[in-house]
Amino acid sequence: ELVRETGERTWAAVERAKAEAALRASEEKYRTLFESIDEGFLVHELIRDEAGRATHFRLLEVNPAFTRQTGLGNDVVGKLNSEFMPDAERVWLDTFDRVARTGTPERVEEYNRATERWYSVHVSRVDGNDRRVAVVFDDVTARKRAESALKASEERQTFLLRLSDALRPLADPVEIIGAATRLLGEGLGASRVYYAEWP
């Protein structure tokens, strides 16, 4: 009986030790991944008022890429957004709240005034908790600036082609000036455009 009891207890202790070792190895593997990925990662906890409306979020956890991509330090962990980002756009809080309530992940691309950067963000609920969300994000500011510059260049070229087409058949200087100022006003959305000769 003593040998059987010793065997059972020993076997249970060995199994528990193996399970704990496997858990530690798994946690270490995910911690290494968390620390080394290029994407920013963070976990927020939503703070709601008595009516259930999300009013703030608290930053619970960040990875090193968070700091690289936002310029914010690790000292923001544990703080409310109103403490480290008081002018954050409401769209962020609304998105986090919607995902936390519904459990439906969302992908958004938004600008953040506080960091002066654009982010491509994937938000998902954490462990079925209607107050916590995980956020994986990339700083896409360079791409957004390139897209904006390309769009501005295309709009400029379109305007210049339209201007050339409008001026080509005209021979009278007054008509040319009138057409150019009218098209420039339309292109710039200006209420008034005028032409003057400056000696």
C-alpha atoms as a PDB file:
ATOM      1  CA  GLU A   1       0.000   0.000   0.000  1.00  0.00           C
ATOM      2  CA  LEU A   2       2.838   2.375   0.900  1.00  0.00           C
ATOM      3  CA  VAL A   3       4.658   1.645  -2.372  1.00  0.00           C
ATOM      4  CA  ARG A   4       1.453   2.210  -4.375  1.00  0.00           C
ATOM      5  CA  GLU A   5       0.706   5.484  -2.540  1.00  0.00           C
ATOM      6  CA  THR A   6       4.306   6.675  -3.024  1.00  0.00           C
ATOM      7  CA  GLY A   7       4.163   5.798  -6.719  1.00  0.00           C
ATOM      8  CA  GLU A   8       0.905   7.659  -7.274  1.00  0.00           C
ATOM      9  CA  ARG A   9       2.107  10.784  -5.468  1.00  0.00           C
ATOM     10  CA  THR A  10       5.451  10.678  -7.238  1.00  0.00           C
ATOM     11  CA  TRP A  11       3.777  10.229 -10.624  1.00  0.00           C
ATOM     12  CA  ALA A  12       1.416  13.179  -9.915  1.00  0.00           C
ATOM     13  CA  ALA A  13       4.364  15.355  -8.849  1.00  0.00           C
ATOM     14  CA  VAL A  14       6.332  14.399 -11.981  1.00  0.00           C
ATOM     15  CA  GLU A  15       3.352  15.157 -14.248  1.00  0.00           C
ATOM     16  CA  ARG A  16       2.772  18.501 -12.509  1.00  0.00           C
ATOM     17  CA  ALA A  17       6.482  19.395 -12.883  1.00  0.00           C
ATOM     18  CA  LYS A  18       6.404  18.442 -16.585  1.00  0.00           C
ATOM     19  CA  ALA A  19       3.271  20.544 -17.132  1.00  0.00           C
ATOM     20  CA  GLU A  20       4.828  23.543 -15.346  1.00  0.00           C
ATOM     21  CA  ALA A  21       8.035  23.204 -17.393  1.00  0.00           C
ATOM     22  CA  ALA A  22       6.018  23.026 -20.616  1.00  0.00           C
ATOM     23  CA  LEU A  23       4.033  26.099 -19.568  1.00  0.00           C
ATOM     24  CA  ARG A  24       7.225  28.033 -18.774  1.00  0.00           C
ATOM     25  CA  ALA A  25       8.701  27.033 -22.151  1.00  0.00           C
ATOM     26  CA  SER A  26       5.512  28.103 -23.930  1.00  0.00           C
ATOM     27  CA  GLU A  27       5.416  31.420 -22.065  1.00  0.00           C
ATOM     28  CA  GLU A  28       9.077  32.022 -22.900  1.00  0.00           C
ATOM     29  CA  LYS A  29       8.441  31.256 -26.571  1.00  0.00           C
ATOM     30  CA  TYR A  30       5.557  33.744 -26.724  1.00  0.00           C
ATOM     31  CA  ARG A  31       7.458  36.322 -24.652  1.00  0.00           C
ATOM     32  CA  THR A  32      10.344  36.086 -27.143  1.00  0.00           C
ATOM     33  CA  LEU A  33       7.902  36.541 -30.028  1.00  0.00           C
ATOM     34  CA  PHE A  34       6.216  39.458 -28.218  1.00  0.00           C
ATOM     35  CA  GLU A  35       9.577  41.164 -27.648  1.00  0.00           C
ATOM     36  CA  SER A  36      10.968  40.598 -31.151  1.00  0.00           C
ATOM     37  CA  ILE A  37       8.119  41.269 -33.616  1.00  0.00           C
ATOM     38  CA  ASP A  38       8.310  44.403 -35.750  1.00  0.00           C
ATOM     39  CA  GLU A  39       4.665  45.282 -35.139  1.00  0.00           C
ATOM     40  CA  GLY A  40       3.711  47.331 -32.133  1.00  0.00           C
ATOM     41  CA  PHE A  41       1.612  45.428 -29.630  1.00  0.00           C
ATOM     42  CA  LEU A  42      -0.325  46.664 -26.642  1.00  0.00           C
ATOM     43  CA  VAL A  43      -3.217  45.772 -24.391  1.00  0.00           C
ATOM     44  CA  HIS A  44      -5.772  48.366 -23.264  1.00  0.00           C
ATOM     45  CA  GLU A  45      -8.335  48.188 -20.490  1.00  0.00           C
ATOM     46  CA  LEU A  46     -11.421  50.321 -21.057  1.00  0.00           C
ATOM     47  CA  ILE A  47     -12.737  52.548 -18.288  1.00  0.00           C
ATOM     48  CA  ARG A  48     -16.499  53.130 -18.434  1.00  0.00           C
ATOM     49  CA  ASP A  49     -18.792  55.569 -16.668  1.00  0.00           C
ATOM     50  CA  GLU A  50     -21.953  54.592 -14.740  1.00  0.00           C
ATOM     51  CA  ALA A  51     -23.932  54.546 -17.988  1.00  0.00           C
ATOM     52  CA  GLY A  52     -21.489  52.047 -19.483  1.00  0.00           C
ATOM     53  CA  ARG A  53     -19.987  54.541 -21.961  1.00  0.00           C
ATOM     54  CA  ALA A  54     -16.226  54.175 -22.515  1.00  0.00           C
ATOM     55  CA  THR A  55     -14.513  57.328 -21.262  1.00  0.00           C
ATOM     56  CA  HIS A  56     -10.838  56.338 -21.120  1.00  0.00           C
ATOM     57  CA  PHE A  57      -8.488  53.447 -21.646  1.00  0.00           C
ATOM     58  CA  ARG A  58      -5.578  52.325 -19.507  1.00  0.00           C
ATOM     59  CA  LEU A  59      -2.455  50.971 -21.172  1.00  0.00           C
ATOM     60  CA  LEU A  60      -1.638  47.607 -19.557  1.00  0.00           C
ATOM     61  CA  GLU A  61       1.153  46.129 -21.640  1.00  0.00           C
ATOM     62  CA  VAL A  62       3.419  47.133 -24.541  1.00  0.00           C
ATOM     63  CA  ASN A  63       6.254  45.560 -26.513  1.00  0.00           C
ATOM     64  CA  PRO A  64       9.504  47.270 -27.603  1.00  0.00           C
ATOM     65  CA  ALA A  65       8.105  47.964 -31.090  1.00  0.00           C
ATOM     66  CA  PHE A  66       5.418  50.108 -29.445  1.00  0.00           C
ATOM     67  CA  THR A  67       8.106  52.542 -28.325  1.00  0.00           C
ATOM     68  CA  ARG A  68       9.856  52.538 -31.707  1.00  0.00           C
ATOM     69  CA  GLN A  69       6.649  53.179 -33.631  1.00  0.00           C
ATOM     70  CA  THR A  70       5.007  55.740 -31.341  1.00  0.00           C
ATOM     71  CA  GLY A  71       7.940  57.533 -29.748  1.00  0.00           C
ATOM     72  CA  LEU A  72       6.266  56.976 -26.360  1.00  0.00           C
ATOM     73  CA  GLY A  73       8.234  55.301 -23.585  1.00  0.00           C
ATOM     74  CA  ASN A  74       7.427  52.344 -21.349  1.00  0.00           C
ATOM     75  CA  ASP A  75       6.500  54.821 -18.626  1.00  0.00           C
ATOM     76  CA  VAL A  76       3.012  55.070 -20.145  1.00  0.00           C
ATOM     77  CA  VAL A  77       2.158  51.539 -18.985  1.00  0.00           C
ATOM     78  CA  GLY A  78      -0.452  51.741 -16.246  1.00  0.00           C
ATOM     79  CA  LYS A  79      -1.554  55.236 -17.246  1.00  0.00           C
ATOM     80  CA  LEU A  80      -4.836  56.469 -18.687  1.00  0.00           C
ATOM     81  CA  ASN A  81      -4.859  57.822 -22.220  1.00  0.00           C
ATOM     82  CA  SER A  82      -5.814  61.224 -20.783  1.00  0.00           C
ATOM     83  CA  GLU A  83      -2.465  61.237 -18.957  1.00  0.00           C
ATOM     84  CA  PHE A  84      -0.154  60.387 -21.849  1.00  0.00           C
ATOM     85  CA  MET A  85      -2.287  61.288 -24.892  1.00  0.00           C
ATOM     86  CA  PRO A  86      -4.941  63.817 -23.801  1.00  0.00           C
ATOM     87  CA  ASP A  87      -5.871  64.899 -27.330  1.00  0.00           C
ATOM     88  CA  ALA A  88      -6.333  61.416 -28.778  1.00  0.00           C
ATOM     89  CA  GLU A  89      -9.036  61.258 -31.410  1.00  0.00           C
ATOM     90  CA  ARG A  90     -12.330  59.795 -30.195  1.00  0.00           C
ATOM     91  CA  VAL A  91     -12.270  57.252 -33.046  1.00  0.00           C
ATOM     92  CA  TRP A  92      -9.653  55.226 -31.145  1.00  0.00           C
ATOM     93  CA  LEU A  93     -11.736  54.914 -27.982  1.00  0.00           C
ATOM     94  CA  ASP A  94     -14.898  54.178 -29.985  1.00  0.00           C
ATOM     95  CA  THR A  95     -13.125  51.438 -31.957  1.00  0.00           C
ATOM     96  CA  PHE A  96     -11.671  49.821 -28.832  1.00  0.00           C
ATOM     97  CA  ASP A  97     -15.064  49.941 -27.102  1.00  0.00           C
ATOM     98  CA  ARG A  98     -16.941  48.480 -30.081  1.00  0.00           C
ATOM     99  CA  VAL A  99     -14.490  45.573 -30.378  1.00  0.00           C
ATOM    100  CA  ALA A 100     -14.560  44.923 -26.620  1.00  0.00           C
ATOM    101  CA  ARG A 101     -18.367  44.871 -26.558  1.00  0.00           C
ATOM    102  CA  THR A 102     -18.997  42.833 -29.713  1.00  0.00           C
ATOM    103  CA  GLY A 103     -15.942  40.593 -29.745  1.00  0.00           C
ATOM    104  CA  THR A 104     -15.647  41.247 -33.487  1.00  0.00           C
ATOM    105  CA  PRO A 105     -12.071  42.174 -34.432  1.00  0.00           C
ATOM    106  CA  GLU A 106     -11.565  45.294 -36.562  1.00  0.00           C
ATOM    107  CA  ARG A 107      -8.824  46.631 -38.782  1.00  0.00           C
ATOM    108  CA  VAL A 108      -8.582  50.417 -39.111  1.00  0.00           C
ATOM    109  CA  GLU A 109      -6.166  52.946 -40.530  1.00  0.00           C
ATOM    110  CA  GLU A 110      -6.205  56.270 -38.702  1.00  0.00           C
ATOM    111  CA  TYR A 111      -4.093  59.318 -37.962  1.00  0.00           C
ATOM    112  CA  ASN A 112      -2.978  60.104 -34.426  1.00  0.00           C
ATOM    113  CA  ARG A 113      -2.316  63.787 -33.699  1.00  0.00           C
ATOM    114  CA  ALA A 114      -0.367  63.128 -30.505  1.00  0.00           C
ATOM    115  CA  THR A 115       2.338  61.133 -32.289  1.00  0.00           C
ATOM    116  CA  GLU A 116       1.793  62.823 -35.677  1.00  0.00           C
ATOM    117  CA  ARG A 117       1.709  59.420 -37.354  1.00  0.00           C
ATOM    118  CA  TRP A 118      -0.650  57.195 -39.318  1.00  0.00           C
ATOM    119  CA  TYR A 119      -1.252  53.655 -38.055  1.00  0.00           C
ATOM    120  CA  SER A 120      -2.671  50.494 -39.554  1.00  0.00           C
ATOM    121  CA  VAL A 121      -4.272  48.826 -36.546  1.00  0.00           C
ATOM    122  CA  HIS A 122      -5.833  45.440 -35.813  1.00  0.00           C
ATOM    123  CA  VAL A 123      -7.935  45.396 -32.633  1.00  0.00           C
ATOM    124  CA  SER A 124      -9.310  42.251 -30.977  1.00  0.00           C
ATOM    125  CA  ARG A 125     -10.936  41.432 -27.664  1.00  0.00           C
ATOM    126  CA  VAL A 126      -8.800  39.705 -25.024  1.00  0.00           C
ATOM    127  CA  ASP A 127     -10.062  36.466 -23.450  1.00  0.00           C
ATOM    128  CA  GLY A 128     -13.741  37.310 -23.921  1.00  0.00           C
ATOM    129  CA  ASN A 129     -13.275  40.274 -21.576  1.00  0.00           C
ATOM    130  CA  ASP A 130     -15.572  43.152 -22.573  1.00  0.00           C
ATOM    131  CA  ARG A 131     -13.122  45.685 -21.120  1.00  0.00           C
ATOM    132  CA  ARG A 132      -9.817  44.570 -22.654  1.00  0.00           C
ATOM    133  CA  VAL A 133      -8.526  44.751 -26.191  1.00  0.00           C
ATOM    134  CA  ALA A 134      -5.249  43.778 -27.805  1.00  0.00           C
ATOM    135  CA  VAL A 135      -3.883  46.058 -30.503  1.00  0.00           C
ATOM    136  CA  VAL A 136      -1.328  45.088 -33.152  1.00  0.00           C
ATOM    137  CA  PHE A 137      -0.221  48.016 -35.292  1.00  0.00           C
ATOM    138  CA  ASP A 138       2.227  49.362 -37.858  1.00  0.00           C
ATOM    139  CA  ASP A 139       3.350  52.932 -38.448  1.00  0.00           C
ATOM    140  CA  VAL A 140       2.279  53.587 -42.062  1.00  0.00           C
ATOM    141  CA  THR A 141       3.113  57.302 -42.090  1.00  0.00           C
ATOM    142  CA  ALA A 142       5.693  57.021 -44.893  1.00  0.00           C
ATOM    143  CA  ARG A 143       3.205  55.198 -47.131  1.00  0.00           C
ATOM    144  CA  LYS A 144       0.433  57.697 -46.370  1.00  0.00           C
ATOM    145  CA  ARG A 145       2.748  60.618 -47.167  1.00  0.00           C
ATOM    146  CA  ALA A 146       3.800  58.971 -50.422  1.00  0.00           C
ATOM    147  CA  GLU A 147       0.136  58.369 -51.347  1.00  0.00           C
ATOM    148  CA  SER A 148      -0.699  61.986 -50.521  1.00  0.00           C
ATOM    149  CA  ALA A 149       2.239  63.285 -52.584  1.00  0.00           C
ATOM    150  CA  LEU A 150       1.247  61.050 -55.507  1.00  0.00           C
ATOM    151  CA  LYS A 151      -2.365  62.228 -55.314  1.00  0.00           C
ATOM    152  CA  ALA A 152      -1.265  65.877 -55.181  1.00  0.00           C
ATOM    153  CA  SER A 153       1.025  65.307 -58.162  1.00  0.00           C
ATOM    154  CA  GLU A 154      -1.764  63.625 -60.140  1.00  0.00           C
ATOM    155  CA  GLU A 155      -4.179  66.451 -59.295  1.00  0.00           C
ATOM    156  CA  ARG A 156      -1.585  69.023 -60.367  1.00  0.00           C
ATOM    157  CA  GLN A 157      -0.968  67.233 -63.656  1.00  0.00           C
ATOM    158  CA  THR A 158      -4.713  66.950 -64.280  1.00  0.00           C
ATOM    159  CA  PHE A 159      -5.131  70.681 -63.619  1.00  0.00           C
ATOM    160  CA  LEU A 160      -2.221  71.612 -65.887  1.00  0.00           C
ATOM    161  CA  LEU A 161      -3.608  69.456 -68.722  1.00  0.00           C
ATOM    162  CA  ARG A 162      -7.035  71.021 -68.281  1.00  0.00           C
ATOM    163  CA  LEU A 163      -5.470  74.492 -68.286  1.00  0.00           C
ATOM    164  CA  SER A 164      -3.474  73.736 -71.440  1.00  0.00           C
ATOM    165  CA  ASP A 165      -6.597  72.424 -73.188  1.00  0.00           C
ATOM    166  CA  ALA A 166      -8.567  75.536 -72.208  1.00  0.00           C
ATOM    167  CA  LEU A 167      -5.852  78.011 -73.254  1.00  0.00           C
ATOM    168  CA  ARG A 168      -4.783  76.354 -76.522  1.00  0.00           C
ATOM    169  CA  PRO A 169      -7.617  77.689 -78.719  1.00  0.00           C
ATOM    170  CA  LEU A 170      -7.512  81.216 -77.216  1.00  0.00           C
ATOM    171  CA  ALA A 171      -5.619  84.082 -78.893  1.00  0.00           C
ATOM    172  CA  ASP A 172      -6.851  87.159 -77.025  1.00  0.00           C
ATOM    173  CA  PRO A 173      -4.700  87.977 -73.916  1.00  0.00           C
ATOM    174  CA  VAL A 174      -7.763  89.079 -71.898  1.00  0.00           C
ATOM    175  CA  GLU A 175      -9.552  85.779 -72.663  1.00  0.00           C
ATOM    176  CA  ILE A 176      -6.413  83.823 -71.752  1.00  0.00           C
ATOM    177  CA  ILE A 177      -6.121  85.648 -68.415  1.00  0.00           C
ATOM    178  CA  GLY A 178      -9.839  85.197 -67.745  1.00  0.00           C
ATOM    179  CA  ALA A 179      -9.763  81.462 -68.491  1.00  0.00           C
ATOM    180  CA  ALA A 180      -6.589  80.915 -66.454  1.00  0.00           C
ATOM    181  CA  THR A 181      -7.877  82.769 -63.394  1.00  0.00           C
ATOM    182  CA  ARG A 182     -11.272  81.024 -63.578  1.00  0.00           C
ATOM    183  CA  LEU A 183      -9.659  77.554 -63.803  1.00  0.00           C
ATOM    184  CA  LEU A 184      -7.161  78.391 -61.051  1.00  0.00           C
ATOM    185  CA  GLY A 185     -10.004  79.522 -58.786  1.00  0.00           C
ATOM    186  CA  GLU A 186     -11.922  76.312 -59.443  1.00  0.00           C
ATOM    187  CA  GLY A 187      -8.806  74.193 -58.955  1.00  0.00           C
ATOM    188  CA  LEU A 188      -7.936  75.825 -55.644  1.00  0.00           C
ATOM    189  CA  GLY A 189     -11.512  76.157 -54.439  1.00  0.00           C
ATOM    190  CA  ALA A 190     -10.909  79.917 -54.094  1.00  0.00           C
ATOM    191  CA  SER A 191     -13.784  82.386 -53.976  1.00  0.00           C
ATOM    192  CA  ARG A 192     -11.691  85.100 -55.660  1.00  0.00           C
ATOM    193  CA  VAL A 193      -8.773  84.994 -58.067  1.00  0.00           C
ATOM    194  CA  TYR A 194      -7.338  87.964 -59.929  1.00  0.00           C
ATOM    195  CA  TYR A 195      -4.517  88.752 -62.270  1.00  0.00           C
ATOM    196  CA  ALA A 196      -2.255  91.779 -61.947  1.00  0.00           C
ATOM    197  CA  GLU A 197       0.841  92.981 -63.717  1.00  0.00           C
ATOM    198  CA  TRP A 198       3.553  93.933 -61.248  1.00  0.00           C
ATOM    199  CA  PRO A 199       6.178  96.299 -62.630  1.00  0.00           C
END
